[in-house]
Amino acid sequence: MKLFHYLPVGAYAAAAALLLASCGVSKRSLKQSNRALTAALQASAQKEQAEALKLYSDTSIPQGEARKSVSRDNPGQTALEQTIIRWAIDSDPQGARVFYRVLSSIPAVVKNTNETYLMTTPYEETRAFNILGLTYENSRDVQIEIKVVKTGYEAQVKRFNVRQAIDQQEISSFFMLVPKE
C-alpha cells in the first residue's frame, strides 16, 4: 500500500471509497463514511485555524477594543481615547511654531485633517488621540505629521505612525532648523 504515500489528502477519500467498494460495502455505508471523513477534516482545519489565531493574536490591544472606533456619538468610550500620549517637540533655535495634522491611507474611514496650531517650541503636553474613525486595527494606516515653522528658517516636517505612538505612548522629536539662504 505504498500508493497512499503519494496521494494528496483529497485523494485519500476516493482511494478509501474504492477500497471499500471492492470489499462489497454498500453505497449507504460509503456515504456515511464520507460524511464522517469530511467532518473529521473540517474539525481538524478549524482546530488548526484556532491555534493559528491564538498564536498570531496581538496582545498589545486591550480585550474587546480592536474594532471599537472613535466617534462623536459616544465620546470617551474607547480605550484609544483614554490612552494618553506625551507630546514633546523642541527645536534649535526655540520659538518655532508647531503644527500637526492627521494623514490617513484609508480616508474613507479616518479622514485627513488640516494643519492645527499647537504652540511654539519647546512644546510639551499630554493629550489623547481623538481621531474620528480610528481603531486599534487601522491605527497602522494613520500618521501624525508634525510641522515646525520659524521665520527665516526652512520649514521642517516629520511623520509619526499612530500605532507606534500608541505603543510607545509618546511623540517626541527635536528639529534642528536650517536658515534660509
Foldseek 3Di string as FASTA:
>chain_A
DCVVVPDDPVVVLVVVLVVVVVVPDDPVVNVVVVVVVVVVVVVVVVVVVVVVCVVPPDPVAPPPQQQDWQDPVDHPPGVQQVQKAKEFEAEVVWFWWKWKWKDFPCCVQFNTDDIDTDGTPRDIDIHGDRTGRDGLNRQQRMKMKMWTGDPQWDIDIDIDRRNVRSVVSYDYDYYYTHGDD
